[in-house]
């Protein structure tokens, strides 16, 4: 468990504030009585790694939603 926390801390230490706030929202919404499947943990770590390697490709959630809404006006 400790190595997982260290890995998350390392990967997020330079993340933008809006990303950190969104992650905190996810954590708050999670029920810790439920186990997170291993495939989901791996997927999250993969996505964080992809973001770290190509941060310019990422867009803010609000901008993505605005783009989708504009597409279907």
PDB file of N, CA and C in Angstrom:
ATOM      1  N   UNK A   1       0.825  -1.205   0.000  1.00  0.00           N
ATOM      2  CA  UNK A   1       0.000   0.000   0.000  1.00  0.00           C
ATOM      3  C   UNK A   1       0.866   1.266   0.000  1.00  0.00           C
ATOM      4  N   UNK A   2       1.923   1.265   0.784  1.00  0.00           N
ATOM      5  CA  UNK A   2       2.764   2.453   0.869  1.00  0.00           C
ATOM      6  C   UNK A   2       3.381   2.800  -0.485  1.00  0.00           C
ATOM      7  N   UNK A   3       3.831   1.789  -1.226  1.00  0.00           N
ATOM      8  CA  UNK A   3       4.435   2.088  -2.524  1.00  0.00           C
ATOM      9  C   UNK A   3       3.416   2.688  -3.478  1.00  0.00           C
ATOM     10  N   UNK A   4       2.156   2.284  -3.378  1.00  0.00           N
ATOM     11  CA  UNK A   4       1.107   2.851  -4.212  1.00  0.00           C
ATOM     12  C   UNK A   4       0.905   4.328  -3.879  1.00  0.00           C
ATOM     13  N   UNK A   5       0.863   4.657  -2.601  1.00  0.00           N
ATOM     14  CA  UNK A   5       0.707   6.056  -2.195  1.00  0.00           C
ATOM     15  C   UNK A   5       1.891   6.902  -2.638  1.00  0.00           C
ATOM     16  N   UNK A   6       3.081   6.342  -2.512  1.00  0.00           N
ATOM     17  CA  UNK A   6       4.268   7.077  -2.946  1.00  0.00           C
ATOM     18  C   UNK A   6       4.228   7.314  -4.449  1.00  0.00           C
ATOM     19  N   UNK A   7       3.787   6.320  -5.202  1.00  0.00           N
ATOM     20  CA  UNK A   7       3.705   6.462  -6.653  1.00  0.00           C
ATOM     21  C   UNK A   7       2.681   7.531  -7.033  1.00  0.00           C
ATOM     22  N   UNK A   8       1.538   7.511  -6.372  1.00  0.00           N
ATOM     23  CA  UNK A   8       0.504   8.516  -6.648  1.00  0.00           C
ATOM     24  C   UNK A   8       1.024   9.905  -6.297  1.00  0.00           C
ATOM     25  N   UNK A   9       1.640  10.045  -5.143  1.00  0.00           N
ATOM     26  CA  UNK A   9       2.192  11.345  -4.738  1.00  0.00           C
ATOM     27  C   UNK A   9       3.208  11.851  -5.746  1.00  0.00           C
ATOM     28  N   UNK A  10       4.079  10.969  -6.199  1.00  0.00           N
ATOM     29  CA  UNK A  10       5.104  11.366  -7.162  1.00  0.00           C
ATOM     30  C   UNK A  10       4.478  11.817  -8.474  1.00  0.00           C
ATOM     31  N   UNK A  11       3.494  11.058  -8.939  1.00  0.00           N
ATOM     32  CA  UNK A  11       2.883  11.384 -10.232  1.00  0.00           C
ATOM     33  C   UNK A  11       2.051  12.660 -10.188  1.00  0.00           C
ATOM     34  N   UNK A  12       1.515  12.987  -9.028  1.00  0.00           N
ATOM     35  CA  UNK A  12       0.618  14.139  -8.950  1.00  0.00           C
ATOM     36  C   UNK A  12       1.278  15.407  -8.407  1.00  0.00           C
ATOM     37  N   UNK A  13       2.537  15.340  -8.061  1.00  0.00           N
ATOM     38  CA  UNK A  13       3.138  16.498  -7.397  1.00  0.00           C
ATOM     39  C   UNK A  13       3.210  17.741  -8.289  1.00  0.00           C
ATOM     40  N   UNK A  14       3.142  17.570  -9.592  1.00  0.00           N
ATOM     41  CA  UNK A  14       3.171  18.733 -10.490  1.00  0.00           C
ATOM     42  C   UNK A  14       1.860  18.905 -11.255  1.00  0.00           C
ATOM     43  N   UNK A  15       0.830  18.213 -10.817  1.00  0.00           N
ATOM     44  CA  UNK A  15      -0.464  18.292 -11.510  1.00  0.00           C
ATOM     45  C   UNK A  15      -1.115  19.659 -11.264  1.00  0.00           C
ATOM     46  N   UNK A  16      -1.869  20.157 -12.228  1.00  0.00           N
ATOM     47  CA  UNK A  16      -2.574  21.425 -12.050  1.00  0.00           C
ATOM     48  C   UNK A  16      -3.619  21.323 -10.931  1.00  0.00           C
ATOM     49  N   UNK A  17      -3.936  22.449 -10.349  1.00  0.00           N
ATOM     50  CA  UNK A  17      -4.874  22.485  -9.220  1.00  0.00           C
ATOM     51  C   UNK A  17      -6.228  21.881  -9.582  1.00  0.00           C
ATOM     52  N   UNK A  18      -6.729  22.144 -10.784  1.00  0.00           N
ATOM     53  CA  UNK A  18      -8.041  21.604 -11.143  1.00  0.00           C
ATOM     54  C   UNK A  18      -8.026  20.075 -11.219  1.00  0.00           C
ATOM     55  N   UNK A  19      -6.900  19.496 -11.608  1.00  0.00           N
ATOM     56  CA  UNK A  19      -6.781  18.037 -11.635  1.00  0.00           C
ATOM     57  C   UNK A  19      -6.804  17.500 -10.211  1.00  0.00           C
ATOM     58  N   UNK A  20      -6.063  18.146  -9.322  1.00  0.00           N
ATOM     59  CA  UNK A  20      -6.034  17.705  -7.928  1.00  0.00           C
ATOM     60  C   UNK A  20      -7.412  17.819  -7.278  1.00  0.00           C
ATOM     61  N   UNK A  21      -8.120  18.893  -7.552  1.00  0.00           N
ATOM     62  CA  UNK A  21      -9.463  19.063  -6.995  1.00  0.00           C
ATOM     63  C   UNK A  21     -10.410  17.978  -7.502  1.00  0.00           C
ATOM     64  N   UNK A  22     -10.294  17.643  -8.765  1.00  0.00           N
ATOM     65  CA  UNK A  22     -11.139  16.593  -9.333  1.00  0.00           C
ATOM     66  C   UNK A  22     -10.830  15.235  -8.698  1.00  0.00           C
ATOM     67  N   UNK A  23      -9.558  14.971  -8.488  1.00  0.00           N
ATOM     68  CA  UNK A  23      -9.161  13.717  -7.850  1.00  0.00           C
ATOM     69  C   UNK A  23      -9.693  13.660  -6.418  1.00  0.00           C
ATOM     70  N   UNK A  24      -9.605  14.769  -5.699  1.00  0.00           N
ATOM     71  CA  UNK A  24     -10.150  14.800  -4.338  1.00  0.00           C
ATOM     72  C   UNK A  24     -11.656  14.548  -4.351  1.00  0.00           C
ATOM     73  N   UNK A  25     -12.333  15.055  -5.356  1.00  0.00           N
ATOM     74  CA  UNK A  25     -13.764  14.792  -5.489  1.00  0.00           C
ATOM     75  C   UNK A  25     -14.032  13.315  -5.701  1.00  0.00           C
ATOM     76  N   UNK A  26     -13.214  12.676  -6.523  1.00  0.00           N
ATOM     77  CA  UNK A  26     -13.366  11.231  -6.743  1.00  0.00           C
ATOM     78  C   UNK A  26     -13.160  10.471  -5.435  1.00  0.00           C
ATOM     79  N   UNK A  27     -12.127  10.864  -4.702  1.00  0.00           N
ATOM     80  CA  UNK A  27     -11.841  10.187  -3.436  1.00  0.00           C
ATOM     81  C   UNK A  27     -12.991  10.360  -2.464  1.00  0.00           C
ATOM     82  N   UNK A  28     -13.517  11.579  -2.369  1.00  0.00           N
ATOM     83  CA  UNK A  28     -14.645  11.832  -1.465  1.00  0.00           C
ATOM     84  C   UNK A  28     -15.863  11.002  -1.838  1.00  0.00           C
ATOM     85  N   UNK A  29     -16.061  10.776  -3.123  1.00  0.00           N
ATOM     86  CA  UNK A  29     -17.246  10.056  -3.587  1.00  0.00           C
ATOM     87  C   UNK A  29     -17.118   8.544  -3.436  1.00  0.00           C
ATOM     88  N   UNK A  30     -15.919   8.081  -3.261  1.00  0.00           N
ATOM     89  CA  UNK A  30     -15.702   6.629  -3.188  1.00  0.00           C
ATOM     90  C   UNK A  30     -16.123   6.085  -1.834  1.00  0.00           C
ATOM     91  N   UNK A  31     -16.632   4.912  -1.877  1.00  0.00           N
ATOM     92  CA  UNK A  31     -16.933   4.202  -0.635  1.00  0.00           C
ATOM     93  C   UNK A  31     -15.769   3.269  -0.356  1.00  0.00           C
ATOM     94  N   UNK A  32     -15.086   3.517   0.735  1.00  0.00           N
ATOM     95  CA  UNK A  32     -13.909   2.716   1.032  1.00  0.00           C
ATOM     96  C   UNK A  32     -14.271   1.334   1.561  1.00  0.00           C
ATOM     97  N   UNK A  33     -15.553   1.046   1.706  1.00  0.00           N
ATOM     98  CA  UNK A  33     -15.958  -0.297   2.102  1.00  0.00           C
ATOM     99  C   UNK A  33     -15.947  -1.226   0.895  1.00  0.00           C
ATOM    100  N   UNK A  34     -15.874  -0.657  -0.291  1.00  0.00           N
ATOM    101  CA  UNK A  34     -15.844  -1.460  -1.507  1.00  0.00           C
ATOM    102  C   UNK A  34     -14.410  -1.573  -2.007  1.00  0.00           C
ATOM    103  N   UNK A  35     -14.094  -2.700  -2.520  1.00  0.00           N
ATOM    104  CA  UNK A  35     -12.768  -2.934  -3.073  1.00  0.00           C
ATOM    105  C   UNK A  35     -12.727  -2.402  -4.503  1.00  0.00           C
ATOM    106  N   UNK A  36     -11.638  -1.751  -4.844  1.00  0.00           N
ATOM    107  CA  UNK A  36     -11.464  -1.270  -6.212  1.00  0.00           C
ATOM    108  C   UNK A  36     -10.804  -2.390  -7.001  1.00  0.00           C
ATOM    109  N   UNK A  37     -11.416  -2.790  -8.101  1.00  0.00           N
ATOM    110  CA  UNK A  37     -10.843  -3.883  -8.892  1.00  0.00           C
ATOM    111  C   UNK A  37      -9.433  -3.543  -9.381  1.00  0.00           C
ATOM    112  N   UNK A  38      -8.604  -4.552  -9.464  1.00  0.00           N
ATOM    113  CA  UNK A  38      -7.226  -4.367  -9.897  1.00  0.00           C
ATOM    114  C   UNK A  38      -7.150  -3.752 -11.290  1.00  0.00           C
ATOM    115  N   UNK A  39      -8.054  -4.145 -12.198  1.00  0.00           N
ATOM    116  CA  UNK A  39      -8.023  -3.601 -13.561  1.00  0.00           C
ATOM    117  C   UNK A  39      -8.258  -2.093 -13.542  1.00  0.00           C
ATOM    118  N   UNK A  40      -9.095  -1.638 -12.591  1.00  0.00           N
ATOM    119  CA  UNK A  40      -9.391  -0.209 -12.538  1.00  0.00           C
ATOM    120  C   UNK A  40      -8.194   0.569 -11.982  1.00  0.00           C
ATOM    121  N   UNK A  41      -7.541   0.010 -10.985  1.00  0.00           N
ATOM    122  CA  UNK A  41      -6.331   0.651 -10.459  1.00  0.00           C
ATOM    123  C   UNK A  41      -5.283   0.791 -11.566  1.00  0.00           C
ATOM    124  N   UNK A  42      -5.100  -0.281 -12.325  1.00  0.00           N
ATOM    125  CA  UNK A  42      -4.116  -0.258 -13.412  1.00  0.00           C
ATOM    126  C   UNK A  42      -4.489   0.781 -14.470  1.00  0.00           C
ATOM    127  N   UNK A  43      -5.771   0.869 -14.774  1.00  0.00           N
ATOM    128  CA  UNK A  43      -6.229   1.835 -15.782  1.00  0.00           C
ATOM    129  C   UNK A  43      -5.967   3.269 -15.328  1.00  0.00           C
ATOM    130  N   UNK A  44      -6.235   3.554 -14.067  1.00  0.00           N
ATOM    131  CA  UNK A  44      -5.992   4.902 -13.541  1.00  0.00           C
ATOM    132  C   UNK A  44      -4.501   5.227 -13.603  1.00  0.00           C
ATOM    133  N   UNK A  45      -3.670   4.298 -13.172  1.00  0.00           N
ATOM    134  CA  UNK A  45      -2.226   4.539 -13.220  1.00  0.00           C
ATOM    135  C   UNK A  45      -1.744   4.730 -14.653  1.00  0.00           C
ATOM    136  N   UNK A  46      -2.312   3.969 -15.595  1.00  0.00           N
ATOM    137  CA  UNK A  46      -1.957   4.115 -17.011  1.00  0.00           C
ATOM    138  C   UNK A  46      -2.330   5.505 -17.513  1.00  0.00           C
ATOM    139  N   UNK A  47      -3.517   5.966 -17.137  1.00  0.00           N
ATOM    140  CA  UNK A  47      -3.970   7.284 -17.607  1.00  0.00           C
ATOM    141  C   UNK A  47      -3.140   8.413 -16.999  1.00  0.00           C
ATOM    142  N   UNK A  48      -2.770   8.278 -15.730  1.00  0.00           N
ATOM    143  CA  UNK A  48      -1.928   9.287 -15.099  1.00  0.00           C
ATOM    144  C   UNK A  48      -0.573   9.336 -15.805  1.00  0.00           C
ATOM    145  N   UNK A  49      -0.027   8.157 -16.117  1.00  0.00           N
ATOM    146  CA  UNK A  49       1.257   8.098 -16.822  1.00  0.00           C
ATOM    147  C   UNK A  49       1.147   8.750 -18.195  1.00  0.00           C
ATOM    148  N   UNK A  50       0.067   8.456 -18.919  1.00  0.00           N
ATOM    149  CA  UNK A  50      -0.137   9.072 -20.241  1.00  0.00           C
ATOM    150  C   UNK A  50      -0.225  10.584 -20.121  1.00  0.00           C
ATOM    151  N   UNK A  51      -0.901  11.063 -19.086  1.00  0.00           N
ATOM    152  CA  UNK A  51      -1.018  12.511 -18.871  1.00  0.00           C
ATOM    153  C   UNK A  51       0.363  13.113 -18.604  1.00  0.00           C
ATOM    154  N   UNK A  52       1.145  12.430 -17.752  1.00  0.00           N
ATOM    155  CA  UNK A  52       2.475  12.952 -17.423  1.00  0.00           C
ATOM    156  C   UNK A  52       3.373  13.024 -18.654  1.00  0.00           C
ATOM    157  N   UNK A  53       3.248  12.037 -19.537  1.00  0.00           N
ATOM    158  CA  UNK A  53       4.091  11.999 -20.728  1.00  0.00           C
ATOM    159  C   UNK A  53       3.634  12.987 -21.797  1.00  0.00           C
ATOM    160  N   UNK A  54       2.344  13.324 -21.822  1.00  0.00           N
ATOM    161  CA  UNK A  54       1.791  14.218 -22.843  1.00  0.00           C
ATOM    162  C   UNK A  54       0.763  15.176 -22.228  1.00  0.00           C
ATOM    163  N   UNK A  55       1.169  16.027 -21.296  1.00  0.00           N
ATOM    164  CA  UNK A  55       0.193  16.894 -20.635  1.00  0.00           C
ATOM    165  C   UNK A  55      -0.511  17.872 -21.580  1.00  0.00           C
ATOM    166  N   UNK A  56       0.134  18.200 -22.695  1.00  0.00           N
ATOM    167  CA  UNK A  56      -0.479  19.138 -23.640  1.00  0.00           C
ATOM    168  C   UNK A  56      -1.669  18.531 -24.375  1.00  0.00           C
ATOM    169  N   UNK A  57      -1.769  17.211 -24.391  1.00  0.00           N
ATOM    170  CA  UNK A  57      -2.889  16.550 -25.055  1.00  0.00           C
ATOM    171  C   UNK A  57      -4.141  16.537 -24.183  1.00  0.00           C
ATOM    172  N   UNK A  58      -3.975  16.745 -22.895  1.00  0.00           N
ATOM    173  CA  UNK A  58      -5.110  16.711 -21.977  1.00  0.00           C
ATOM    174  C   UNK A  58      -5.900  18.016 -22.069  1.00  0.00           C
ATOM    175  N   UNK A  59      -7.200  17.905 -21.878  1.00  0.00           N
ATOM    176  CA  UNK A  59      -8.040  19.103 -21.812  1.00  0.00           C
ATOM    177  C   UNK A  59      -8.861  19.025 -20.534  1.00  0.00           C
ATOM    178  N   UNK A  60      -9.219  20.169 -20.010  1.00  0.00           N
ATOM    179  CA  UNK A  60     -10.015  20.226 -18.793  1.00  0.00           C
ATOM    180  C   UNK A  60     -11.404  19.644 -19.052  1.00  0.00           C
ATOM    181  N   UNK A  61     -11.959  19.030 -18.053  1.00  0.00           N
ATOM    182  CA  UNK A  61     -13.275  18.409 -18.166  1.00  0.00           C
ATOM    183  C   UNK A  61     -14.321  19.411 -18.646  1.00  0.00           C
ATOM    184  N   UNK A  62     -14.307  20.609 -18.058  1.00  0.00           N
ATOM    185  CA  UNK A  62     -15.299  21.625 -18.430  1.00  0.00           C
ATOM    186  C   UNK A  62     -15.191  21.994 -19.912  1.00  0.00           C
ATOM    187  N   UNK A  63     -13.976  22.082 -20.423  1.00  0.00           N
ATOM    188  CA  UNK A  63     -13.795  22.397 -21.840  1.00  0.00           C
ATOM    189  C   UNK A  63     -14.284  21.246 -22.719  1.00  0.00           C
ATOM    190  N   UNK A  64     -14.046  20.017 -22.279  1.00  0.00           N
ATOM    191  CA  UNK A  64     -14.532  18.863 -23.038  1.00  0.00           C
ATOM    192  C   UNK A  64     -16.057  18.862 -23.083  1.00  0.00           C
ATOM    193  N   UNK A  65     -16.691  19.123 -21.959  1.00  0.00           N
ATOM    194  CA  UNK A  65     -18.153  19.148 -21.910  1.00  0.00           C
ATOM    195  C   UNK A  65     -18.710  20.279 -22.775  1.00  0.00           C
ATOM    196  N   UNK A  66     -18.044  21.422 -22.755  1.00  0.00           N
ATOM    197  CA  UNK A  66     -18.469  22.554 -23.586  1.00  0.00           C
ATOM    198  C   UNK A  66     -18.360  22.195 -25.069  1.00  0.00           C
ATOM    199  N   UNK A  67     -17.277  21.530 -25.435  1.00  0.00           N
ATOM    200  CA  UNK A  67     -17.078  21.112 -26.820  1.00  0.00           C
ATOM    201  C   UNK A  67     -18.172  20.142 -27.265  1.00  0.00           C
ATOM    202  N   UNK A  68     -18.506  19.211 -26.400  1.00  0.00           N
ATOM    203  CA  UNK A  68     -19.568  18.241 -26.718  1.00  0.00           C
ATOM    204  C   UNK A  68     -20.917  18.956 -26.858  1.00  0.00           C
ATOM    205  N   UNK A  69     -21.198  19.850 -25.933  1.00  0.00           N
ATOM    206  CA  UNK A  69     -22.472  20.582 -25.976  1.00  0.00           C
ATOM    207  C   UNK A  69     -22.564  21.415 -27.261  1.00  0.00           C
ATOM    208  N   UNK A  70     -21.478  22.070 -27.642  1.00  0.00           N
ATOM    209  CA  UNK A  70     -21.478  22.883 -28.857  1.00  0.00           C
ATOM    210  C   UNK A  70     -21.660  22.012 -30.115  1.00  0.00           C
ATOM    211  N   UNK A  71     -21.132  20.820 -30.074  1.00  0.00           N
ATOM    212  CA  UNK A  71     -21.229  19.926 -31.221  1.00  0.00           C
ATOM    213  C   UNK A  71     -22.670  19.520 -31.491  1.00  0.00           C
ATOM    214  N   UNK A  72     -23.480  19.432 -30.448  1.00  0.00           N
ATOM    215  CA  UNK A  72     -24.857  18.955 -30.597  1.00  0.00           C
ATOM    216  C   UNK A  72     -25.910  20.039 -30.417  1.00  0.00           C
ATOM    217  N   UNK A  73     -25.526  21.302 -30.640  1.00  0.00           N
ATOM    218  CA  UNK A  73     -26.497  22.407 -30.567  1.00  0.00           C
ATOM    219  C   UNK A  73     -27.380  22.420 -31.782  1.00  0.00           C
TER     220      UNK A  73
END
